[in-house]
Amino acid sequence: MQRLAALVPRPRLHLIRFHGVLAPIAKLRALVVPQEPEAPAQAVAPAECEANCAHHRAVRQSWARLLKRVFELDRQHCPNCGGELKNIAATLEPLMIE
């Protein structure tokens, strides 16, 4: 058990560590790592950009879409008639689940 426990990383610890030029405090890091492009002088105000830019919208997918994407389980359509399904209840009690 002790050998297996040694392989488990501590919580909130980065699993990838960089050494040498890619280290966080390296003096030459700025020469190697690509920098963000400078913003143009006529930049749009952030409030206006958030309304128009697609990358500022929250991207959340339903559980049904995630199940279909990962496990190829279609929980949005009825397997018998092909109609759309909707959730009517969620069982959270362990005795009922068993």
PDB file of N, CA and C in Angstrom:
ATOM      1  N   MET A   1       0.811  -1.176   0.000  1.00  0.00           N
ATOM      2  CA  MET A   1       0.000   0.000   0.000  1.00  0.00           C
ATOM      3  C   MET A   1       0.869   1.260   0.000  1.00  0.00           C
ATOM      4  N   GLN A   2       1.984   1.193   0.719  1.00  0.00           N
ATOM      5  CA  GLN A   2       2.854   2.355   0.831  1.00  0.00           C
ATOM      6  C   GLN A   2       3.458   2.719  -0.522  1.00  0.00           C
ATOM      7  N   ARG A   3       3.781   1.734  -1.331  1.00  0.00           N
ATOM      8  CA  ARG A   3       4.341   2.001  -2.655  1.00  0.00           C
ATOM      9  C   ARG A   3       3.312   2.646  -3.572  1.00  0.00           C
ATOM     10  N   LEU A   4       2.065   2.190  -3.494  1.00  0.00           N
ATOM     11  CA  LEU A   4       1.018   2.788  -4.313  1.00  0.00           C
ATOM     12  C   LEU A   4       0.708   4.211  -3.862  1.00  0.00           C
ATOM     13  N   ALA A   5       0.693   4.445  -2.564  1.00  0.00           N
ATOM     14  CA  ALA A   5       0.409   5.777  -2.044  1.00  0.00           C
ATOM     15  C   ALA A   5       1.484   6.773  -2.466  1.00  0.00           C
ATOM     16  N   ALA A   6       2.700   6.320  -2.649  1.00  0.00           N
ATOM     17  CA  ALA A   6       3.778   7.212  -3.066  1.00  0.00           C
ATOM     18  C   ALA A   6       3.581   7.701  -4.498  1.00  0.00           C
ATOM     19  N   LEU A   7       2.840   6.958  -5.320  1.00  0.00           N
ATOM     20  CA  LEU A   7       2.602   7.340  -6.713  1.00  0.00           C
ATOM     21  C   LEU A   7       1.476   8.358  -6.869  1.00  0.00           C
ATOM     22  N   VAL A   8       0.635   8.519  -5.870  1.00  0.00           N
ATOM     23  CA  VAL A   8      -0.492   9.442  -5.955  1.00  0.00           C
ATOM     24  C   VAL A   8       0.008  10.857  -5.681  1.00  0.00           C
ATOM     25  N   PRO A   9      -0.237  11.800  -6.619  1.00  0.00           N
ATOM     26  CA  PRO A   9       0.252  13.167  -6.405  1.00  0.00           C
ATOM     27  C   PRO A   9      -0.536  13.882  -5.315  1.00  0.00           C
ATOM     28  N   ARG A  10       0.132  14.827  -4.659  1.00  0.00           N
ATOM     29  CA  ARG A  10      -0.541  15.620  -3.641  1.00  0.00           C
ATOM     30  C   ARG A  10      -1.601  16.495  -4.302  1.00  0.00           C
ATOM     31  N   PRO A  11      -2.652  16.866  -3.569  1.00  0.00           N
ATOM     32  CA  PRO A  11      -3.686  17.716  -4.156  1.00  0.00           C
ATOM     33  C   PRO A  11      -3.138  19.106  -4.495  1.00  0.00           C
ATOM     34  N   ARG A  12      -3.716  19.703  -5.530  1.00  0.00           N
ATOM     35  CA  ARG A  12      -3.365  21.043  -6.003  1.00  0.00           C
ATOM     36  C   ARG A  12      -1.883  21.169  -6.366  1.00  0.00           C
ATOM     37  N   LEU A  13      -1.299  20.123  -6.895  1.00  0.00           N
ATOM     38  CA  LEU A  13       0.100  20.121  -7.295  1.00  0.00           C
ATOM     39  C   LEU A  13       0.158  19.918  -8.805  1.00  0.00           C
ATOM     40  N   HIS A  14       0.920  20.740  -9.505  1.00  0.00           N
ATOM     41  CA  HIS A  14       1.045  20.591 -10.947  1.00  0.00           C
ATOM     42  C   HIS A  14       1.798  19.302 -11.260  1.00  0.00           C
ATOM     43  N   LEU A  15       1.306  18.563 -12.234  1.00  0.00           N
ATOM     44  CA  LEU A  15       1.930  17.293 -12.590  1.00  0.00           C
ATOM     45  C   LEU A  15       3.048  17.465 -13.612  1.00  0.00           C
ATOM     46  N   ILE A  16       3.086  18.619 -14.289  1.00  0.00           N
ATOM     47  CA  ILE A  16       4.127  18.878 -15.276  1.00  0.00           C
ATOM     48  C   ILE A  16       5.036  19.958 -14.719  1.00  0.00           C
ATOM     49  N   ARG A  17       6.316  19.663 -14.672  1.00  0.00           N
ATOM     50  CA  ARG A  17       7.285  20.639 -14.172  1.00  0.00           C
ATOM     51  C   ARG A  17       8.264  20.958 -15.292  1.00  0.00           C
ATOM     52  N   PHE A  18       8.600  22.223 -15.417  1.00  0.00           N
ATOM     53  CA  PHE A  18       9.521  22.660 -16.452  1.00  0.00           C
ATOM     54  C   PHE A  18      10.863  23.021 -15.831  1.00  0.00           C
ATOM     55  N   HIS A  19      11.949  22.654 -16.519  1.00  0.00           N
ATOM     56  CA  HIS A  19      13.300  22.929 -16.044  1.00  0.00           C
ATOM     57  C   HIS A  19      14.061  23.657 -17.149  1.00  0.00           C
ATOM     58  N   GLY A  20      15.159  24.243 -16.798  1.00  0.00           N
ATOM     59  CA  GLY A  20      16.008  24.902 -17.781  1.00  0.00           C
ATOM     60  C   GLY A  20      15.388  26.185 -18.291  1.00  0.00           C
ATOM     61  N   VAL A  21      15.408  26.364 -19.617  1.00  0.00           N
ATOM     62  CA  VAL A  21      14.914  27.594 -20.235  1.00  0.00           C
ATOM     63  C   VAL A  21      13.404  27.735 -20.058  1.00  0.00           C
ATOM     64  N   LEU A  22      12.665  26.644 -19.971  1.00  0.00           N
ATOM     65  CA  LEU A  22      11.214  26.716 -19.840  1.00  0.00           C
ATOM     66  C   LEU A  22      10.748  26.865 -18.400  1.00  0.00           C
ATOM     67  N   ALA A  23      11.647  26.908 -17.444  1.00  0.00           N
ATOM     68  CA  ALA A  23      11.277  27.088 -16.043  1.00  0.00           C
ATOM     69  C   ALA A  23      10.613  28.450 -15.854  1.00  0.00           C
ATOM     70  N   PRO A  24       9.699  28.575 -14.887  1.00  0.00           N
ATOM     71  CA  PRO A  24       8.958  29.823 -14.722  1.00  0.00           C
ATOM     72  C   PRO A  24       9.833  31.048 -14.448  1.00  0.00           C
ATOM     73  N   ILE A  25      10.990  30.878 -13.808  1.00  0.00           N
ATOM     74  CA  ILE A  25      11.803  32.034 -13.428  1.00  0.00           C
ATOM     75  C   ILE A  25      13.047  32.159 -14.321  1.00  0.00           C
ATOM     76  N   ALA A  26      13.149  31.390 -15.381  1.00  0.00           N
ATOM     77  CA  ALA A  26      14.339  31.404 -16.235  1.00  0.00           C
ATOM     78  C   ALA A  26      14.516  32.774 -16.900  1.00  0.00           C
ATOM     79  N   LYS A  27      15.732  33.243 -16.969  1.00  0.00           N
ATOM     80  CA  LYS A  27      16.016  34.560 -17.552  1.00  0.00           C
ATOM     81  C   LYS A  27      15.799  34.572 -19.064  1.00  0.00           C
ATOM     82  N   LEU A  28      16.041  33.450 -19.726  1.00  0.00           N
ATOM     83  CA  LEU A  28      15.902  33.383 -21.182  1.00  0.00           C
ATOM     84  C   LEU A  28      14.516  32.916 -21.636  1.00  0.00           C
ATOM     85  N   ARG A  29      13.595  32.727 -20.717  1.00  0.00           N
ATOM     86  CA  ARG A  29      12.266  32.218 -21.060  1.00  0.00           C
ATOM     87  C   ARG A  29      11.548  33.122 -22.065  1.00  0.00           C
ATOM     88  N   ALA A  30      11.667  34.427 -21.929  1.00  0.00           N
ATOM     89  CA  ALA A  30      10.983  35.358 -22.831  1.00  0.00           C
ATOM     90  C   ALA A  30      11.459  35.208 -24.272  1.00  0.00           C
ATOM     91  N   LEU A  31      12.684  34.746 -24.471  1.00  0.00           N
ATOM     92  CA  LEU A  31      13.211  34.567 -25.824  1.00  0.00           C
ATOM     93  C   LEU A  31      12.714  33.280 -26.474  1.00  0.00           C
ATOM     94  N   VAL A  32      12.270  32.324 -25.670  1.00  0.00           N
ATOM     95  CA  VAL A  32      11.882  31.012 -26.184  1.00  0.00           C
ATOM     96  C   VAL A  32      10.365  30.867 -26.293  1.00  0.00           C
ATOM     97  N   VAL A  33       9.652  31.334 -25.279  1.00  0.00           N
ATOM     98  CA  VAL A  33       8.201  31.166 -25.223  1.00  0.00           C
ATOM     99  C   VAL A  33       7.532  32.251 -26.055  1.00  0.00           C
ATOM    100  N   PRO A  34       6.575  31.910 -26.929  1.00  0.00           N
ATOM    101  CA  PRO A  34       5.905  32.937 -27.732  1.00  0.00           C
ATOM    102  C   PRO A  34       5.119  33.902 -26.845  1.00  0.00           C
ATOM    103  N   GLN A  35       5.188  35.177 -27.176  1.00  0.00           N
ATOM    104  CA  GLN A  35       4.493  36.206 -26.418  1.00  0.00           C
ATOM    105  C   GLN A  35       3.151  36.507 -27.063  1.00  0.00           C
ATOM    106  N   GLU A  36       2.223  37.053 -26.275  1.00  0.00           N
ATOM    107  CA  GLU A  36       0.919  37.452 -26.808  1.00  0.00           C
ATOM    108  C   GLU A  36       1.103  38.676 -27.686  1.00  0.00           C
ATOM    109  N   PRO A  37       0.375  38.754 -28.804  1.00  0.00           N
ATOM    110  CA  PRO A  37       0.508  39.930 -29.661  1.00  0.00           C
ATOM    111  C   PRO A  37      -0.020  41.172 -28.943  1.00  0.00           C
ATOM    112  N   GLU A  38       0.610  42.303 -29.228  1.00  0.00           N
ATOM    113  CA  GLU A  38       0.192  43.547 -28.609  1.00  0.00           C
ATOM    114  C   GLU A  38      -1.155  43.977 -29.182  1.00  0.00           C
ATOM    115  N   ALA A  39      -1.992  44.565 -28.328  1.00  0.00           N
ATOM    116  CA  ALA A  39      -3.312  45.026 -28.764  1.00  0.00           C
ATOM    117  C   ALA A  39      -3.148  46.257 -29.641  1.00  0.00           C
ATOM    118  N   PRO A  40      -3.959  46.374 -30.716  1.00  0.00           N
ATOM    119  CA  PRO A  40      -3.865  47.568 -31.558  1.00  0.00           C
ATOM    120  C   PRO A  40      -4.343  48.806 -30.794  1.00  0.00           C
ATOM    121  N   ALA A  41      -3.932  49.968 -31.257  1.00  0.00           N
ATOM    122  CA  ALA A  41      -4.265  51.220 -30.575  1.00  0.00           C
ATOM    123  C   ALA A  41      -5.761  51.489 -30.586  1.00  0.00           C
ATOM    124  N   GLN A  42      -6.473  51.031 -31.613  1.00  0.00           N
ATOM    125  CA  GLN A  42      -7.901  51.281 -31.727  1.00  0.00           C
ATOM    126  C   GLN A  42      -8.695  50.063 -31.265  1.00  0.00           C
ATOM    127  N   ALA A  43      -8.368  49.551 -30.111  1.00  0.00           N
ATOM    128  CA  ALA A  43      -9.035  48.351 -29.599  1.00  0.00           C
ATOM    129  C   ALA A  43     -10.468  48.673 -29.195  1.00  0.00           C
ATOM    130  N   VAL A  44     -11.339  47.677 -29.333  1.00  0.00           N
ATOM    131  CA  VAL A  44     -12.737  47.830 -28.958  1.00  0.00           C
ATOM    132  C   VAL A  44     -12.842  47.721 -27.447  1.00  0.00           C
ATOM    133  N   ALA A  45     -13.773  48.436 -26.858  1.00  0.00           N
ATOM    134  CA  ALA A  45     -13.980  48.373 -25.413  1.00  0.00           C
ATOM    135  C   ALA A  45     -14.352  46.956 -25.012  1.00  0.00           C
ATOM    136  N   PRO A  46     -13.907  46.463 -23.832  1.00  0.00           N
ATOM    137  CA  PRO A  46     -14.193  45.078 -23.421  1.00  0.00           C
ATOM    138  C   PRO A  46     -15.685  44.768 -23.338  1.00  0.00           C
ATOM    139  N   ALA A  47     -16.502  45.726 -22.928  1.00  0.00           N
ATOM    140  CA  ALA A  47     -17.942  45.464 -22.815  1.00  0.00           C
ATOM    141  C   ALA A  47     -18.548  45.179 -24.178  1.00  0.00           C
ATOM    142  N   GLU A  48     -18.112  45.902 -25.210  1.00  0.00           N
ATOM    143  CA  GLU A  48     -18.633  45.678 -26.554  1.00  0.00           C
ATOM    144  C   GLU A  48     -18.131  44.365 -27.122  1.00  0.00           C
ATOM    145  N   CYS A  49     -16.896  44.019 -26.825  1.00  0.00           N
ATOM    146  CA  CYS A  49     -16.304  42.789 -27.344  1.00  0.00           C
ATOM    147  C   CYS A  49     -16.982  41.556 -26.749  1.00  0.00           C
ATOM    148  N   GLU A  50     -17.299  41.613 -25.453  1.00  0.00           N
ATOM    149  CA  GLU A  50     -17.914  40.456 -24.807  1.00  0.00           C
ATOM    150  C   GLU A  50     -19.259  40.113 -25.418  1.00  0.00           C
ATOM    151  N   ALA A  51     -19.989  41.100 -25.865  1.00  0.00           N
ATOM    152  CA  ALA A  51     -21.297  40.855 -26.447  1.00  0.00           C
ATOM    153  C   ALA A  51     -21.180  40.216 -27.820  1.00  0.00           C
ATOM    154  N   ASN A  52     -20.098  40.509 -28.557  1.00  0.00           N
ATOM    155  CA  ASN A  52     -19.979  40.057 -29.942  1.00  0.00           C
ATOM    156  C   ASN A  52     -19.085  38.837 -30.131  1.00  0.00           C
ATOM    157  N   CYS A  53     -18.139  38.612 -29.247  1.00  0.00           N
ATOM    158  CA  CYS A  53     -17.164  37.543 -29.436  1.00  0.00           C
ATOM    159  C   CYS A  53     -17.705  36.195 -28.962  1.00  0.00           C
ATOM    160  N   ALA A  54     -17.480  35.175 -29.765  1.00  0.00           N
ATOM    161  CA  ALA A  54     -17.958  33.836 -29.410  1.00  0.00           C
ATOM    162  C   ALA A  54     -17.133  33.231 -28.279  1.00  0.00           C
ATOM    163  N   HIS A  55     -15.853  33.611 -28.165  1.00  0.00           N
ATOM    164  CA  HIS A  55     -15.005  32.999 -27.148  1.00  0.00           C
ATOM    165  C   HIS A  55     -15.297  33.521 -25.748  1.00  0.00           C
ATOM    166  N   HIS A  56     -16.147  34.522 -25.588  1.00  0.00           N
ATOM    167  CA  HIS A  56     -16.494  35.039 -24.273  1.00  0.00           C
ATOM    168  C   HIS A  56     -17.781  34.408 -23.736  1.00  0.00           C
ATOM    169  N   ARG A  57     -18.503  33.682 -24.580  1.00  0.00           N
ATOM    170  CA  ARG A  57     -19.740  33.050 -24.128  1.00  0.00           C
ATOM    171  C   ARG A  57     -19.433  31.807 -23.312  1.00  0.00           C
ATOM    172  N   ALA A  58     -20.234  31.563 -22.293  1.00  0.00           N
ATOM    173  CA  ALA A  58     -20.067  30.358 -21.485  1.00  0.00           C
ATOM    174  C   ALA A  58     -20.476  29.146 -22.318  1.00  0.00           C
ATOM    175  N   VAL A  59     -19.626  28.138 -22.324  1.00  0.00           N
ATOM    176  CA  VAL A  59     -19.908  26.933 -23.095  1.00  0.00           C
ATOM    177  C   VAL A  59     -20.211  25.823 -22.106  1.00  0.00           C
ATOM    178  N   ARG A  60     -21.472  25.493 -21.980  1.00  0.00           N
ATOM    179  CA  ARG A  60     -21.882  24.397 -21.104  1.00  0.00           C
ATOM    180  C   ARG A  60     -22.741  23.443 -21.917  1.00  0.00           C
ATOM    181  N   GLN A  61     -22.473  22.165 -21.746  1.00  0.00           N
ATOM    182  CA  GLN A  61     -23.235  21.162 -22.456  1.00  0.00           C
ATOM    183  C   GLN A  61     -24.039  20.358 -21.448  1.00  0.00           C
ATOM    184  N   SER A  62     -25.194  19.896 -21.872  1.00  0.00           N
ATOM    185  CA  SER A  62     -26.036  19.098 -20.984  1.00  0.00           C
ATOM    186  C   SER A  62     -25.395  17.721 -20.783  1.00  0.00           C
ATOM    187  N   TRP A  63     -25.844  17.040 -19.730  1.00  0.00           N
ATOM    188  CA  TRP A  63     -25.333  15.702 -19.456  1.00  0.00           C
ATOM    189  C   TRP A  63     -25.648  14.755 -20.604  1.00  0.00           C
ATOM    190  N   ALA A  64     -26.800  14.914 -21.207  1.00  0.00           N
ATOM    191  CA  ALA A  64     -27.173  14.049 -22.320  1.00  0.00           C
ATOM    192  C   ALA A  64     -26.199  14.212 -23.490  1.00  0.00           C
ATOM    193  N   ARG A  65     -25.826  15.464 -23.795  1.00  0.00           N
ATOM    194  CA  ARG A  65     -24.874  15.691 -24.887  1.00  0.00           C
ATOM    195  C   ARG A  65     -23.496  15.135 -24.549  1.00  0.00           C
ATOM    196  N   LEU A  66     -23.072  15.283 -23.281  1.00  0.00           N
ATOM    197  CA  LEU A  66     -21.773  14.755 -22.881  1.00  0.00           C
ATOM    198  C   LEU A  66     -21.748  13.236 -22.934  1.00  0.00           C
ATOM    199  N   LEU A  67     -22.834  12.582 -22.499  1.00  0.00           N
ATOM    200  CA  LEU A  67     -22.905  11.122 -22.580  1.00  0.00           C
ATOM    201  C   LEU A  67     -22.848  10.651 -24.029  1.00  0.00           C
ATOM    202  N   LYS A  68     -23.522  11.381 -24.911  1.00  0.00           N
ATOM    203  CA  LYS A  68     -23.506  11.008 -26.322  1.00  0.00           C
ATOM    204  C   LYS A  68     -22.117  11.196 -26.912  1.00  0.00           C
ATOM    205  N   ARG A  69     -21.445  12.267 -26.522  1.00  0.00           N
ATOM    206  CA  ARG A  69     -20.127  12.571 -27.060  1.00  0.00           C
ATOM    207  C   ARG A  69     -19.068  11.586 -26.576  1.00  0.00           C
ATOM    208  N   VAL A  70     -19.115  11.223 -25.294  1.00  0.00           N
ATOM    209  CA  VAL A  70     -18.065  10.382 -24.728  1.00  0.00           C
ATOM    210  C   VAL A  70     -18.361   8.894 -24.912  1.00  0.00           C
ATOM    211  N   PHE A  71     -19.572   8.475 -24.566  1.00  0.00           N
ATOM    212  CA  PHE A  71     -19.898   7.046 -24.561  1.00  0.00           C
ATOM    213  C   PHE A  71     -20.795   6.615 -25.708  1.00  0.00           C
ATOM    214  N   GLU A  72     -21.138   7.539 -26.596  1.00  0.00           N
ATOM    215  CA  GLU A  72     -22.033   7.273 -27.725  1.00  0.00           C
ATOM    216  C   GLU A  72     -23.389   6.746 -27.249  1.00  0.00           C
ATOM    217  N   LEU A  73     -23.879   7.286 -26.118  1.00  0.00           N
ATOM    218  CA  LEU A  73     -25.203   6.960 -25.601  1.00  0.00           C
ATOM    219  C   LEU A  73     -26.132   8.121 -25.915  1.00  0.00           C
ATOM    220  N   ASP A  74     -27.190   7.869 -26.664  1.00  0.00           N
ATOM    221  CA  ASP A  74     -28.116   8.932 -27.017  1.00  0.00           C
ATOM    222  C   ASP A  74     -29.236   8.981 -25.988  1.00  0.00           C
ATOM    223  N   ARG A  75     -29.150   9.926 -25.063  1.00  0.00           N
ATOM    224  CA  ARG A  75     -30.165  10.096 -24.027  1.00  0.00           C
ATOM    225  C   ARG A  75     -31.083  11.270 -24.329  1.00  0.00           C
ATOM    226  N   GLN A  76     -31.039  11.785 -25.554  1.00  0.00           N
ATOM    227  CA  GLN A  76     -31.910  12.885 -25.940  1.00  0.00           C
ATOM    228  C   GLN A  76     -33.113  12.413 -26.738  1.00  0.00           C
ATOM    229  N   HIS A  77     -33.019  11.208 -27.292  1.00  0.00           N
ATOM    230  CA  HIS A  77     -34.108  10.691 -28.130  1.00  0.00           C
ATOM    231  C   HIS A  77     -34.525   9.305 -27.650  1.00  0.00           C
ATOM    232  N   CYS A  78     -35.813   9.035 -27.750  1.00  0.00           N
ATOM    233  CA  CYS A  78     -36.381   7.753 -27.334  1.00  0.00           C
ATOM    234  C   CYS A  78     -35.886   6.644 -28.269  1.00  0.00           C
ATOM    235  N   PRO A  79     -35.414   5.507 -27.717  1.00  0.00           N
ATOM    236  CA  PRO A  79     -34.945   4.430 -28.581  1.00  0.00           C
ATOM    237  C   PRO A  79     -36.078   3.750 -29.353  1.00  0.00           C
ATOM    238  N   ASN A  80     -37.333   3.865 -28.868  1.00  0.00           N
ATOM    239  CA  ASN A  80     -38.462   3.214 -29.537  1.00  0.00           C
ATOM    240  C   ASN A  80     -39.053   4.064 -30.653  1.00  0.00           C
ATOM    241  N   CYS A  81     -39.415   5.302 -30.327  1.00  0.00           N
ATOM    242  CA  CYS A  81     -40.118   6.127 -31.312  1.00  0.00           C
ATOM    243  C   CYS A  81     -39.255   7.234 -31.900  1.00  0.00           C
ATOM    244  N   GLY A  82     -38.106   7.551 -31.288  1.00  0.00           N
ATOM    245  CA  GLY A  82     -37.240   8.598 -31.805  1.00  0.00           C
ATOM    246  C   GLY A  82     -37.618   9.988 -31.334  1.00  0.00           C
ATOM    247  N   GLY A  83     -38.649  10.085 -30.467  1.00  0.00           N
ATOM    248  CA  GLY A  83     -39.062  11.382 -29.945  1.00  0.00           C
ATOM    249  C   GLY A  83     -38.065  11.937 -28.939  1.00  0.00           C
ATOM    250  N   GLU A  84     -38.196  13.227 -28.646  1.00  0.00           N
ATOM    251  CA  GLU A  84     -37.268  13.869 -27.719  1.00  0.00           C
ATOM    252  C   GLU A  84     -37.625  13.526 -26.282  1.00  0.00           C
ATOM    253  N   LEU A  85     -36.600  13.178 -25.467  1.00  0.00           N
ATOM    254  CA  LEU A  85     -36.790  12.846 -24.061  1.00  0.00           C
ATOM    255  C   LEU A  85     -36.502  14.062 -23.194  1.00  0.00           C
ATOM    256  N   LYS A  86     -37.168  14.142 -22.045  1.00  0.00           N
ATOM    257  CA  LYS A  86     -36.828  15.173 -21.073  1.00  0.00           C
ATOM    258  C   LYS A  86     -36.801  14.554 -19.689  1.00  0.00           C
ATOM    259  N   ASN A  87     -35.974  15.098 -18.808  1.00  0.00           N
ATOM    260  CA  ASN A  87     -35.835  14.594 -17.450  1.00  0.00           C
ATOM    261  C   ASN A  87     -37.058  15.001 -16.642  1.00  0.00           C
ATOM    262  N   ILE A  88     -37.625  14.030 -15.920  1.00  0.00           N
ATOM    263  CA  ILE A  88     -38.763  14.345 -15.067  1.00  0.00           C
ATOM    264  C   ILE A  88     -38.441  14.163 -13.597  1.00  0.00           C
ATOM    265  N   ALA A  89     -37.354  13.445 -13.274  1.00  0.00           N
ATOM    266  CA  ALA A  89     -36.983  13.237 -11.882  1.00  0.00           C
ATOM    267  C   ALA A  89     -35.522  12.814 -11.803  1.00  0.00           C
ATOM    268  N   ALA A  90     -34.937  13.052 -10.631  1.00  0.00           N
ATOM    269  CA  ALA A  90     -33.569  12.611 -10.357  1.00  0.00           C
ATOM    270  C   ALA A  90     -33.582  11.880  -9.022  1.00  0.00           C
ATOM    271  N   THR A  91     -33.118  10.644  -9.025  1.00  0.00           N
ATOM    272  CA  THR A  91     -33.086   9.843  -7.811  1.00  0.00           C
ATOM    273  C   THR A  91     -31.714   9.966  -7.176  1.00  0.00           C
ATOM    274  N   LEU A  92     -31.680  10.447  -5.934  1.00  0.00           N
ATOM    275  CA  LEU A  92     -30.421  10.649  -5.248  1.00  0.00           C
ATOM    276  C   LEU A  92     -30.276   9.771  -3.998  1.00  0.00           C
ATOM    277  N   GLU A  93     -31.322   9.104  -3.581  1.00  0.00           N
ATOM    278  CA  GLU A  93     -31.280   8.278  -2.387  1.00  0.00           C
ATOM    279  C   GLU A  93     -30.618   6.939  -2.705  1.00  0.00           C
ATOM    280  N   PRO A  94     -29.616   6.525  -1.934  1.00  0.00           N
ATOM    281  CA  PRO A  94     -28.906   5.277  -2.216  1.00  0.00           C
ATOM    282  C   PRO A  94     -29.806   4.041  -2.221  1.00  0.00           C
ATOM    283  N   LEU A  95     -30.780   3.977  -1.318  1.00  0.00           N
ATOM    284  CA  LEU A  95     -31.665   2.807  -1.284  1.00  0.00           C
ATOM    285  C   LEU A  95     -32.509   2.695  -2.559  1.00  0.00           C
ATOM    286  N   MET A  96     -32.973   3.810  -3.063  1.00  0.00           N
ATOM    287  CA  MET A  96     -33.780   3.795  -4.269  1.00  0.00           C
ATOM    288  C   MET A  96     -32.931   3.433  -5.492  1.00  0.00           C
ATOM    289  N   ILE A  97     -31.690   3.847  -5.508  1.00  0.00           N
ATOM    290  CA  ILE A  97     -30.817   3.567  -6.634  1.00  0.00           C
ATOM    291  C   ILE A  97     -30.500   2.074  -6.713  1.00  0.00           C
ATOM    292  N   GLU A  98     -30.299   1.441  -5.544  1.00  0.00           N
ATOM    293  CA  GLU A  98     -30.001   0.005  -5.523  1.00  0.00           C
ATOM    294  C   GLU A  98     -31.201  -0.782  -6.019  1.00  0.00           C
TER     295      GLU A  98
END
